[in-house]
Amino acid sequence: MYAKTSLHNIVHDLHSGKVECSWHYIHTDLGPVCIGNFYRPPGAADEIISSLTEELQEHAERCIGTIIIGDFNIHHRKWLKHSNANSNIGAVLQNISQEFALLQCVHEPTRGKYLLDLVLSDFPSKIRVLPMNADHNAVLACFDLQMPATRKIIRRG
């Protein structure tokens, strides 16, 4: 998770015990937004995606919105245009996204000709797929979230 050094309103909540995901909260003018950084290794058990539901329920009830960004390593041609097949696990993730009203925001391939790196969000976003970094293209996700105004107070004794 990268943030500007001037941004002081991001809090790390926890690293998941069930899946490779870290959860963070960013405090905005409207309330906290939940951000999950997710990784599903290729060929991992389907339960990894299914357990995401429990974690989303736990975090989403505390927030005004959710953003999940990560390398999901799934294929589902009906939902993710750049896929090689329609997998059951892809359908499970699509159902989870629909259940939590999360839109999949990346629309270009991110690894070769496949779309494996997703941004799931209930906020409007601007997404850019950037040049390759290691074996995947980087994904830049921009969200227009208003941060609370802060001011520096200098005390004199």
N, C-alpha and C. Protein backbone atom coordinates (compact mmCIF):
# COMPACT_ATOMS: atom_id res chain seq x y z
N MET A 1 0.86 -1.17 0.00
CA MET A 1 0.00 0.00 0.00
C MET A 1 0.90 1.23 0.00
N TYR A 2 0.75 2.06 -1.02
CA TYR A 2 1.52 3.30 -1.11
C TYR A 2 0.58 4.47 -0.91
N ALA A 3 1.07 5.49 -0.20
CA ALA A 3 0.29 6.71 -0.01
C ALA A 3 1.25 7.88 0.06
N LYS A 4 0.77 9.04 -0.32
CA LYS A 4 1.58 10.25 -0.20
C LYS A 4 2.01 10.42 1.25
N THR A 5 3.22 10.95 1.44
CA THR A 5 3.70 11.16 2.81
C THR A 5 2.85 12.18 3.55
N SER A 6 2.15 13.03 2.83
CA SER A 6 1.29 14.03 3.47
C SER A 6 -0.07 13.45 3.88
N LEU A 7 -0.34 12.22 3.49
CA LEU A 7 -1.62 11.59 3.81
C LEU A 7 -1.49 10.83 5.13
N HIS A 8 -2.17 11.31 6.14
CA HIS A 8 -2.04 10.74 7.49
C HIS A 8 -3.31 10.05 7.97
N ASN A 9 -4.22 9.77 7.07
CA ASN A 9 -5.50 9.22 7.52
C ASN A 9 -5.75 7.80 7.00
N ILE A 10 -4.66 7.03 6.80
CA ILE A 10 -4.79 5.62 6.44
C ILE A 10 -4.37 4.79 7.64
N VAL A 11 -5.19 3.83 7.98
CA VAL A 11 -4.92 2.97 9.13
C VAL A 11 -4.88 1.52 8.65
N HIS A 12 -3.84 0.80 9.04
CA HIS A 12 -3.79 -0.64 8.75
C HIS A 12 -4.63 -1.34 9.80
N ASP A 13 -5.58 -2.16 9.35
CA ASP A 13 -6.44 -2.88 10.29
C ASP A 13 -5.86 -4.24 10.63
N LEU A 14 -5.69 -5.09 9.62
CA LEU A 14 -5.15 -6.41 9.91
C LEU A 14 -4.75 -7.12 8.63
N HIS A 15 -3.93 -8.14 8.82
CA HIS A 15 -3.63 -9.07 7.75
C HIS A 15 -4.55 -10.25 7.97
N SER A 16 -5.22 -10.66 6.93
CA SER A 16 -6.18 -11.75 7.01
C SER A 16 -5.50 -13.02 7.49
N GLY A 17 -6.23 -13.79 8.27
CA GLY A 17 -5.74 -15.10 8.69
C GLY A 17 -6.14 -16.19 7.72
N LYS A 18 -7.06 -15.88 6.82
CA LYS A 18 -7.61 -16.89 5.93
C LYS A 18 -7.11 -16.78 4.51
N VAL A 19 -6.89 -15.57 4.03
CA VAL A 19 -6.47 -15.34 2.64
C VAL A 19 -5.29 -14.37 2.66
N GLU A 20 -4.58 -14.27 1.53
CA GLU A 20 -3.50 -13.30 1.43
C GLU A 20 -4.11 -11.94 1.13
N CYS A 21 -4.48 -11.24 2.19
CA CYS A 21 -5.13 -9.93 2.05
C CYS A 21 -4.79 -9.09 3.26
N SER A 22 -4.47 -7.84 3.04
CA SER A 22 -4.34 -6.89 4.14
C SER A 22 -5.46 -5.87 4.00
N TRP A 23 -6.01 -5.49 5.12
CA TRP A 23 -7.14 -4.57 5.15
C TRP A 23 -6.71 -3.25 5.77
N HIS A 24 -7.16 -2.16 5.15
CA HIS A 24 -6.82 -0.82 5.60
C HIS A 24 -8.10 0.02 5.59
N TYR A 25 -8.09 1.08 6.38
CA TYR A 25 -9.17 2.06 6.35
C TYR A 25 -8.56 3.41 6.00
N ILE A 26 -9.23 4.12 5.13
CA ILE A 26 -8.85 5.50 4.85
C ILE A 26 -10.02 6.37 5.31
N HIS A 27 -9.71 7.35 6.13
CA HIS A 27 -10.75 8.20 6.70
C HIS A 27 -11.00 9.37 5.77
N THR A 28 -12.24 9.50 5.31
CA THR A 28 -12.63 10.56 4.38
C THR A 28 -13.62 11.49 5.07
N ASP A 29 -14.00 12.56 4.38
CA ASP A 29 -15.00 13.48 4.91
C ASP A 29 -16.34 12.80 5.17
N LEU A 30 -16.66 11.78 4.39
CA LEU A 30 -17.94 11.10 4.53
C LEU A 30 -17.91 9.94 5.51
N GLY A 31 -16.72 9.47 5.85
CA GLY A 31 -16.57 8.33 6.74
C GLY A 31 -15.47 7.41 6.24
N PRO A 32 -15.25 6.30 6.95
CA PRO A 32 -14.15 5.40 6.57
C PRO A 32 -14.46 4.58 5.32
N VAL A 33 -13.42 4.37 4.51
CA VAL A 33 -13.49 3.52 3.32
C VAL A 33 -12.56 2.34 3.57
N CYS A 34 -13.05 1.15 3.31
CA CYS A 34 -12.27 -0.07 3.50
C CYS A 34 -11.50 -0.39 2.22
N ILE A 35 -10.20 -0.65 2.37
CA ILE A 35 -9.36 -1.01 1.23
C ILE A 35 -8.72 -2.35 1.51
N GLY A 36 -8.91 -3.29 0.60
CA GLY A 36 -8.27 -4.60 0.72
C GLY A 36 -7.26 -4.80 -0.38
N ASN A 37 -6.07 -5.26 -0.02
CA ASN A 37 -5.03 -5.65 -0.99
C ASN A 37 -5.01 -7.17 -1.00
N PHE A 38 -5.38 -7.77 -2.13
CA PHE A 38 -5.66 -9.20 -2.20
C PHE A 38 -4.73 -9.92 -3.17
N TYR A 39 -4.36 -11.15 -2.82
CA TYR A 39 -3.60 -12.00 -3.73
C TYR A 39 -4.12 -13.44 -3.62
N ARG A 40 -4.41 -14.00 -4.78
CA ARG A 40 -4.78 -15.42 -4.87
C ARG A 40 -3.76 -16.09 -5.76
N PRO A 41 -2.94 -16.99 -5.20
CA PRO A 41 -1.94 -17.67 -6.03
C PRO A 41 -2.61 -18.50 -7.13
N PRO A 42 -1.96 -18.64 -8.27
CA PRO A 42 -2.53 -19.47 -9.34
C PRO A 42 -2.80 -20.90 -8.82
N GLY A 43 -3.95 -21.43 -9.15
CA GLY A 43 -4.29 -22.79 -8.76
C GLY A 43 -4.67 -22.95 -7.30
N ALA A 44 -4.82 -21.85 -6.56
CA ALA A 44 -5.19 -21.95 -5.14
C ALA A 44 -6.61 -22.48 -5.01
N ALA A 45 -6.91 -23.01 -3.84
CA ALA A 45 -8.22 -23.58 -3.58
C ALA A 45 -9.32 -22.53 -3.73
N ASP A 46 -10.48 -22.97 -4.19
CA ASP A 46 -11.62 -22.07 -4.38
C ASP A 46 -12.07 -21.41 -3.08
N GLU A 47 -11.79 -22.04 -1.95
CA GLU A 47 -12.22 -21.50 -0.65
C GLU A 47 -11.60 -20.13 -0.38
N ILE A 48 -10.47 -19.85 -1.02
CA ILE A 48 -9.82 -18.55 -0.81
C ILE A 48 -10.75 -17.42 -1.26
N ILE A 49 -11.37 -17.59 -2.41
CA ILE A 49 -12.31 -16.57 -2.89
C ILE A 49 -13.58 -16.60 -2.04
N SER A 50 -14.07 -17.78 -1.71
CA SER A 50 -15.29 -17.89 -0.91
C SER A 50 -15.13 -17.24 0.46
N SER A 51 -13.96 -17.37 1.09
CA SER A 51 -13.76 -16.79 2.42
C SER A 51 -13.68 -15.26 2.37
N LEU A 52 -13.49 -14.72 1.17
CA LEU A 52 -13.49 -13.28 1.00
C LEU A 52 -14.85 -12.68 1.42
N THR A 53 -15.92 -13.44 1.24
CA THR A 53 -17.26 -12.98 1.63
C THR A 53 -17.30 -12.65 3.11
N GLU A 54 -16.80 -13.55 3.95
CA GLU A 54 -16.81 -13.33 5.41
C GLU A 54 -16.03 -12.06 5.77
N GLU A 55 -14.87 -11.92 5.17
CA GLU A 55 -14.05 -10.76 5.49
C GLU A 55 -14.69 -9.47 4.99
N LEU A 56 -15.30 -9.51 3.82
CA LEU A 56 -16.00 -8.33 3.31
C LEU A 56 -17.15 -7.94 4.23
N GLN A 57 -17.90 -8.90 4.70
CA GLN A 57 -19.01 -8.60 5.61
C GLN A 57 -18.50 -7.93 6.88
N GLU A 58 -17.41 -8.45 7.41
CA GLU A 58 -16.84 -7.90 8.65
C GLU A 58 -16.37 -6.46 8.46
N HIS A 59 -15.69 -6.19 7.35
CA HIS A 59 -15.13 -4.86 7.15
C HIS A 59 -16.15 -3.88 6.56
N ALA A 60 -16.99 -4.34 5.67
CA ALA A 60 -17.92 -3.45 4.98
C ALA A 60 -18.94 -2.81 5.92
N GLU A 61 -19.32 -3.51 6.97
CA GLU A 61 -20.33 -2.94 7.87
C GLU A 61 -19.81 -1.74 8.65
N ARG A 62 -18.51 -1.56 8.70
CA ARG A 62 -17.90 -0.42 9.40
C ARG A 62 -17.64 0.77 8.49
N CYS A 63 -17.90 0.62 7.18
CA CYS A 63 -17.44 1.62 6.22
C CYS A 63 -18.56 2.11 5.31
N ILE A 64 -18.27 3.24 4.66
CA ILE A 64 -19.22 3.78 3.69
C ILE A 64 -18.99 3.22 2.30
N GLY A 65 -17.86 2.54 2.11
CA GLY A 65 -17.55 1.97 0.81
C GLY A 65 -16.36 1.04 0.89
N THR A 66 -16.14 0.32 -0.21
CA THR A 66 -15.10 -0.70 -0.25
C THR A 66 -14.35 -0.65 -1.57
N ILE A 67 -13.03 -0.87 -1.47
CA ILE A 67 -12.17 -0.99 -2.64
C ILE A 67 -11.30 -2.22 -2.40
N ILE A 68 -11.30 -3.16 -3.34
CA ILE A 68 -10.40 -4.31 -3.25
C ILE A 68 -9.57 -4.33 -4.52
N ILE A 69 -8.27 -4.35 -4.33
CA ILE A 69 -7.34 -4.33 -5.44
C ILE A 69 -6.42 -5.54 -5.32
N GLY A 70 -6.20 -6.24 -6.43
CA GLY A 70 -5.25 -7.33 -6.31
C GLY A 70 -5.15 -8.22 -7.52
N ASP A 71 -4.29 -9.21 -7.36
CA ASP A 71 -4.04 -10.24 -8.36
C ASP A 71 -4.90 -11.44 -7.99
N PHE A 72 -6.02 -11.59 -8.67
CA PHE A 72 -6.99 -12.63 -8.33
C PHE A 72 -6.73 -13.95 -9.06
N ASN A 73 -5.99 -13.89 -10.16
CA ASN A 73 -5.66 -15.11 -10.91
C ASN A 73 -6.88 -15.97 -11.19
N ILE A 74 -7.93 -15.35 -11.72
CA ILE A 74 -9.12 -16.11 -12.12
C ILE A 74 -9.46 -15.78 -13.57
N HIS A 75 -10.23 -16.66 -14.17
CA HIS A 75 -10.73 -16.45 -15.52
C HIS A 75 -12.24 -16.61 -15.49
N HIS A 76 -12.91 -15.73 -16.20
CA HIS A 76 -14.36 -15.83 -16.36
C HIS A 76 -14.74 -14.97 -17.56
N ARG A 77 -14.76 -15.59 -18.71
CA ARG A 77 -14.94 -14.86 -19.97
C ARG A 77 -16.24 -14.07 -20.01
N LYS A 78 -17.30 -14.57 -19.40
CA LYS A 78 -18.58 -13.84 -19.42
C LYS A 78 -18.48 -12.52 -18.66
N TRP A 79 -17.65 -12.48 -17.63
CA TRP A 79 -17.54 -11.29 -16.77
C TRP A 79 -16.28 -10.49 -17.09
N LEU A 80 -15.16 -11.19 -17.19
CA LEU A 80 -13.87 -10.56 -17.46
C LEU A 80 -13.51 -10.83 -18.91
N LYS A 81 -13.66 -9.84 -19.73
CA LYS A 81 -13.54 -9.99 -21.18
C LYS A 81 -12.25 -10.71 -21.60
N HIS A 82 -11.15 -10.44 -20.95
CA HIS A 82 -9.86 -11.00 -21.35
C HIS A 82 -9.53 -12.24 -20.51
N SER A 83 -10.27 -13.31 -20.73
CA SER A 83 -10.08 -14.56 -20.00
C SER A 83 -10.00 -15.70 -21.00
N ASN A 84 -9.48 -16.84 -20.54
CA ASN A 84 -9.36 -17.99 -21.43
C ASN A 84 -10.51 -18.98 -21.29
N ALA A 85 -11.36 -18.82 -20.28
CA ALA A 85 -12.47 -19.76 -20.05
C ALA A 85 -13.45 -19.16 -19.06
N ASN A 86 -14.54 -19.88 -18.82
CA ASN A 86 -15.49 -19.53 -17.76
C ASN A 86 -15.29 -20.51 -16.61
N SER A 87 -14.58 -20.07 -15.58
CA SER A 87 -14.31 -20.95 -14.44
C SER A 87 -15.37 -20.78 -13.37
N ASN A 88 -15.55 -21.83 -12.58
CA ASN A 88 -16.49 -21.76 -11.46
C ASN A 88 -16.07 -20.71 -10.45
N ILE A 89 -14.77 -20.62 -10.17
CA ILE A 89 -14.29 -19.65 -9.19
C ILE A 89 -14.49 -18.22 -9.69
N GLY A 90 -14.40 -18.04 -11.00
CA GLY A 90 -14.70 -16.73 -11.58
C GLY A 90 -16.16 -16.35 -11.35
N ALA A 91 -17.05 -17.33 -11.49
CA ALA A 91 -18.47 -17.07 -11.23
C ALA A 91 -18.71 -16.76 -9.76
N VAL A 92 -17.98 -17.43 -8.87
CA VAL A 92 -18.12 -17.15 -7.43
C VAL A 92 -17.70 -15.72 -7.12
N LEU A 93 -16.57 -15.28 -7.68
CA LEU A 93 -16.12 -13.91 -7.44
C LEU A 93 -17.09 -12.90 -8.05
N GLN A 94 -17.63 -13.20 -9.20
CA GLN A 94 -18.61 -12.30 -9.80
C GLN A 94 -19.84 -12.19 -8.89
N ASN A 95 -20.30 -13.29 -8.32
CA ASN A 95 -21.45 -13.27 -7.41
C ASN A 95 -21.14 -12.47 -6.15
N ILE A 96 -19.94 -12.63 -5.61
CA ILE A 96 -19.54 -11.85 -4.43
C ILE A 96 -19.55 -10.36 -4.77
N SER A 97 -19.00 -10.02 -5.92
CA SER A 97 -18.99 -8.62 -6.36
C SER A 97 -20.40 -8.06 -6.47
N GLN A 98 -21.30 -8.84 -7.03
CA GLN A 98 -22.69 -8.40 -7.16
C GLN A 98 -23.36 -8.28 -5.79
N GLU A 99 -23.10 -9.23 -4.91
CA GLU A 99 -23.70 -9.20 -3.57
C GLU A 99 -23.32 -7.94 -2.81
N PHE A 100 -22.07 -7.48 -2.99
CA PHE A 100 -21.59 -6.29 -2.28
C PHE A 100 -21.62 -5.04 -3.15
N ALA A 101 -22.25 -5.13 -4.32
CA ALA A 101 -22.40 -4.00 -5.26
C ALA A 101 -21.04 -3.40 -5.64
N LEU A 102 -20.07 -4.27 -5.88
CA LEU A 102 -18.74 -3.85 -6.30
C LEU A 102 -18.60 -4.02 -7.80
N LEU A 103 -18.16 -2.97 -8.48
CA LEU A 103 -17.92 -3.05 -9.91
C LEU A 103 -16.47 -3.43 -10.15
N GLN A 104 -16.23 -4.24 -11.18
CA GLN A 104 -14.87 -4.58 -11.60
C GLN A 104 -14.47 -3.49 -12.58
N CYS A 105 -13.41 -2.74 -12.27
CA CYS A 105 -13.09 -1.51 -12.98
C CYS A 105 -11.99 -1.62 -14.03
N VAL A 106 -11.24 -2.71 -14.08
CA VAL A 106 -10.14 -2.85 -15.04
C VAL A 106 -10.68 -3.51 -16.30
N HIS A 107 -10.38 -2.94 -17.46
CA HIS A 107 -10.96 -3.46 -18.70
C HIS A 107 -9.92 -3.80 -19.77
N GLU A 108 -8.66 -3.86 -19.38
CA GLU A 108 -7.58 -4.23 -20.30
C GLU A 108 -6.80 -5.40 -19.70
N PRO A 109 -6.12 -6.17 -20.52
CA PRO A 109 -5.29 -7.26 -20.00
C PRO A 109 -4.19 -6.72 -19.09
N THR A 110 -3.84 -7.51 -18.07
CA THR A 110 -2.80 -7.10 -17.12
C THR A 110 -1.65 -8.10 -17.06
N ARG A 111 -1.84 -9.26 -17.64
CA ARG A 111 -0.74 -10.24 -17.74
C ARG A 111 -0.85 -10.92 -19.09
N GLY A 112 0.03 -10.56 -19.99
CA GLY A 112 -0.08 -11.09 -21.35
C GLY A 112 -1.40 -10.65 -21.94
N LYS A 113 -2.18 -11.61 -22.44
CA LYS A 113 -3.49 -11.26 -23.02
C LYS A 113 -4.64 -11.47 -22.05
N TYR A 114 -4.32 -11.70 -20.76
CA TYR A 114 -5.36 -11.99 -19.77
C TYR A 114 -5.52 -10.88 -18.74
N LEU A 115 -6.72 -10.74 -18.22
CA LEU A 115 -7.04 -9.79 -17.16
C LEU A 115 -7.06 -10.56 -15.84
N LEU A 116 -6.00 -10.42 -15.05
CA LEU A 116 -5.89 -11.14 -13.79
C LEU A 116 -5.88 -10.21 -12.58
N ASP A 117 -5.53 -8.94 -12.81
CA ASP A 117 -5.43 -7.96 -11.73
C ASP A 117 -6.68 -7.09 -11.75
N LEU A 118 -7.44 -7.16 -10.68
CA LEU A 118 -8.76 -6.53 -10.66
C LEU A 118 -8.82 -5.40 -9.65
N VAL A 119 -9.73 -4.48 -9.88
CA VAL A 119 -10.10 -3.44 -8.93
C VAL A 119 -11.62 -3.57 -8.76
N LEU A 120 -12.04 -3.97 -7.58
CA LEU A 120 -13.46 -4.10 -7.26
C LEU A 120 -13.83 -2.96 -6.34
N SER A 121 -14.82 -2.16 -6.70
CA SER A 121 -15.12 -0.96 -5.93
C SER A 121 -16.56 -0.54 -6.08
N ASP A 122 -17.06 0.13 -5.05
CA ASP A 122 -18.37 0.76 -5.15
C ASP A 122 -18.23 2.28 -5.24
N PHE A 123 -17.04 2.75 -5.59
CA PHE A 123 -16.78 4.16 -5.86
C PHE A 123 -16.41 4.32 -7.33
N PRO A 124 -16.76 5.46 -7.92
CA PRO A 124 -16.28 5.73 -9.28
C PRO A 124 -14.76 5.81 -9.27
N SER A 125 -14.15 5.35 -10.34
CA SER A 125 -12.69 5.35 -10.39
C SER A 125 -12.20 5.63 -11.81
N LYS A 126 -10.94 6.02 -11.88
CA LYS A 126 -10.23 6.14 -13.15
C LYS A 126 -9.12 5.12 -13.09
N ILE A 127 -9.11 4.21 -14.04
CA ILE A 127 -8.15 3.11 -14.05
C ILE A 127 -7.23 3.25 -15.25
N ARG A 128 -5.95 3.07 -15.03
CA ARG A 128 -4.98 3.02 -16.13
C ARG A 128 -4.12 1.77 -15.96
N VAL A 129 -4.01 1.00 -17.02
CA VAL A 129 -3.08 -0.13 -17.02
C VAL A 129 -1.76 0.41 -17.53
N LEU A 130 -0.73 0.29 -16.71
CA LEU A 130 0.57 0.85 -16.99
C LEU A 130 1.52 -0.22 -17.54
N PRO A 131 2.72 0.18 -17.91
CA PRO A 131 3.67 -0.81 -18.44
C PRO A 131 3.96 -1.93 -17.43
N MET A 132 4.52 -3.00 -17.97
CA MET A 132 4.79 -4.19 -17.18
C MET A 132 5.78 -3.91 -16.06
N ASN A 133 5.49 -4.50 -14.90
CA ASN A 133 6.35 -4.46 -13.73
C ASN A 133 6.47 -5.91 -13.28
N ALA A 134 7.63 -6.52 -13.43
CA ALA A 134 7.82 -7.97 -13.21
C ALA A 134 7.03 -8.70 -14.29
N ASP A 135 6.09 -9.57 -13.92
CA ASP A 135 5.37 -10.35 -14.94
C ASP A 135 3.95 -9.86 -15.19
N HIS A 136 3.55 -8.76 -14.57
CA HIS A 136 2.22 -8.18 -14.76
C HIS A 136 2.37 -6.71 -15.11
N ASN A 137 1.35 -6.17 -15.79
CA ASN A 137 1.29 -4.72 -15.96
C ASN A 137 0.82 -4.14 -14.64
N ALA A 138 1.32 -2.97 -14.31
CA ALA A 138 0.86 -2.27 -13.12
C ALA A 138 -0.53 -1.69 -13.40
N VAL A 139 -1.33 -1.54 -12.37
CA VAL A 139 -2.66 -0.94 -12.48
C VAL A 139 -2.70 0.27 -11.56
N LEU A 140 -3.01 1.42 -12.13
CA LEU A 140 -3.16 2.64 -11.35
C LEU A 140 -4.65 2.91 -11.19
N ALA A 141 -5.10 2.92 -9.96
CA ALA A 141 -6.52 3.18 -9.66
C ALA A 141 -6.62 4.51 -8.92
N CYS A 142 -7.38 5.44 -9.47
CA CYS A 142 -7.56 6.77 -8.87
C CYS A 142 -9.01 6.93 -8.44
N PHE A 143 -9.20 7.36 -7.21
CA PHE A 143 -10.53 7.57 -6.65
C PHE A 143 -10.61 9.01 -6.14
N ASP A 144 -11.72 9.66 -6.36
CA ASP A 144 -11.91 11.04 -5.91
C ASP A 144 -12.58 11.00 -4.54
N LEU A 145 -11.78 10.84 -3.51
CA LEU A 145 -12.28 10.80 -2.13
C LEU A 145 -11.79 12.04 -1.41
N GLN A 146 -12.70 12.77 -0.81
CA GLN A 146 -12.35 14.00 -0.11
C GLN A 146 -11.83 13.66 1.29
N MET A 147 -10.65 14.16 1.60
CA MET A 147 -10.03 13.91 2.90
C MET A 147 -10.38 15.02 3.87
N PRO A 148 -10.45 14.68 5.16
CA PRO A 148 -10.72 15.73 6.15
C PRO A 148 -9.61 16.78 6.13
N ALA A 149 -10.01 18.01 6.28
CA ALA A 149 -9.03 19.09 6.32
C ALA A 149 -8.27 19.02 7.64
N THR A 150 -6.99 19.23 7.58
CA THR A 150 -6.17 19.24 8.80
C THR A 150 -5.41 20.54 8.85
N ARG A 151 -5.09 20.94 10.02
CA ARG A 151 -4.27 22.13 10.16
C ARG A 151 -3.26 21.90 11.28
N LYS A 152 -2.11 22.43 11.07
CA LYS A 152 -1.02 22.28 12.02
C LYS A 152 -1.17 23.34 13.10
N ILE A 153 -1.14 22.91 14.34
CA ILE A 153 -1.24 23.84 15.47
C ILE A 153 0.11 23.87 16.18
N ILE A 154 0.66 25.04 16.29
CA ILE A 154 1.94 25.19 16.98
C ILE A 154 1.66 25.80 18.34
N ARG A 155 2.06 25.09 19.35
CA ARG A 155 1.83 25.58 20.74
C ARG A 155 3.08 26.31 21.23
N ARG A 156 2.83 27.38 21.88
CA ARG A 156 3.94 28.16 22.46
C ARG A 156 3.73 28.21 23.96
N GLY A 157 4.81 27.95 24.69
CA GLY A 157 4.72 27.86 26.15
C GLY A 157 4.96 29.09 26.83
